[in-house]
Amino acid sequence: MTQKVIKIGDSAAVVIPKKSLKELGIRPGDKVSVDIDKKQRRVSIEPVIKEVDKELISWTKKFIERYRPALEALAKK
């Protein structure tokens, strides 16, 4: 796929087609990591994987352990 570099203020941008965004799991507003390989003159873009709050994970596990019977009963309804 070939895209044109466009000027935006003092910067430049490349439009990422909708299909490519979907394949990468990226939506407008998401953070991405941009890496540059000067030697090969290559730019790569990857979605930034959001780190989940460890405290939230711990709380969720405790909640599930405490209310497992009730949650399983609700799941059966």
Protein backbone atom coordinates (compact mmCIF):
# COMPACT_ATOMS: atom_id res chain seq x y z
CA MET A 1 0.00 0.00 0.00
CA THR A 2 1.28 3.44 -0.87
CA GLN A 3 0.22 6.52 1.07
CA LYS A 4 1.13 10.17 0.61
CA VAL A 5 2.81 12.20 3.35
CA ILE A 6 0.69 15.28 4.10
CA LYS A 7 1.62 18.50 5.89
CA ILE A 8 -0.13 19.36 9.16
CA GLY A 9 1.17 22.62 10.60
CA ASP A 10 4.92 22.23 11.10
CA SER A 11 4.60 18.43 11.13
CA ALA A 12 3.71 15.74 8.62
CA ALA A 13 1.32 12.79 8.73
CA VAL A 14 0.42 9.63 6.88
CA VAL A 15 -3.20 8.52 6.78
CA ILE A 16 -3.75 4.96 8.01
CA PRO A 17 -6.61 3.35 6.07
CA LYS A 18 -9.65 2.14 8.03
CA LYS A 19 -8.96 -1.51 7.11
CA SER A 20 -5.41 -1.29 8.47
CA LEU A 21 -6.62 0.35 11.69
CA LYS A 22 -9.09 -2.47 12.18
CA GLU A 23 -6.44 -5.15 11.54
CA LEU A 24 -4.14 -3.54 14.12
CA GLY A 25 -6.91 -2.93 16.64
CA ILE A 26 -6.26 0.81 16.63
CA ARG A 27 -8.96 3.48 16.86
CA PRO A 28 -8.70 7.26 16.56
CA GLY A 29 -7.45 8.62 19.88
CA ASP A 30 -5.48 5.47 20.80
CA LYS A 31 -1.82 5.79 21.69
CA VAL A 32 0.74 4.21 19.36
CA SER A 33 4.45 3.59 19.51
CA VAL A 34 6.41 4.94 16.54
CA ASP A 35 9.84 3.39 15.98
CA ILE A 36 12.34 4.57 13.40
CA ASP A 37 15.09 2.43 11.86
CA LYS A 38 17.44 5.00 10.27
CA LYS A 39 19.64 2.36 8.72
CA GLN A 40 16.79 0.74 6.78
CA ARG A 41 14.82 4.01 6.48
CA ARG A 42 11.78 2.34 7.99
CA VAL A 43 9.04 3.55 10.32
CA SER A 44 6.92 1.08 12.29
CA ILE A 45 3.73 1.85 14.21
CA GLU A 46 2.35 -0.41 16.95
CA PRO A 47 -0.54 0.02 19.36
CA VAL A 48 0.51 0.78 22.92
CA ILE A 49 -0.78 -2.01 25.14
CA LYS A 50 -2.49 -0.49 28.12
CA GLU A 51 -1.20 -1.67 31.47
CA VAL A 52 -3.92 -2.75 33.82
CA ASP A 53 -3.78 -1.41 37.35
CA LYS A 54 -2.44 -4.23 39.58
CA GLU A 55 -4.55 -3.01 42.49
CA LEU A 56 -7.69 -3.31 40.33
CA ILE A 57 -6.76 -6.87 39.33
CA SER A 58 -6.22 -7.81 42.98
CA TRP A 59 -9.56 -6.28 44.01
CA THR A 60 -11.37 -8.06 41.15
CA LYS A 61 -9.92 -11.46 42.11
CA LYS A 62 -10.99 -10.98 45.75
CA PHE A 63 -14.48 -9.92 44.64
CA ILE A 64 -14.86 -12.99 42.43
CA GLU A 65 -13.64 -15.33 45.20
CA ARG A 66 -16.06 -13.80 47.71
CA TYR A 67 -19.12 -13.75 45.45
CA ARG A 68 -18.42 -16.77 43.19
CA PRO A 69 -21.62 -18.69 44.08
CA ALA A 70 -23.80 -15.66 43.43
CA LEU A 71 -22.00 -14.85 40.18
CA GLU A 72 -22.34 -18.46 38.97
CA ALA A 73 -26.07 -18.41 39.83
CA LEU A 74 -26.52 -15.19 37.86
CA ALA A 75 -24.64 -16.65 34.90
CA LYS A 76 -27.10 -19.58 34.76
CA LYS A 77 -30.16 -17.28 34.51
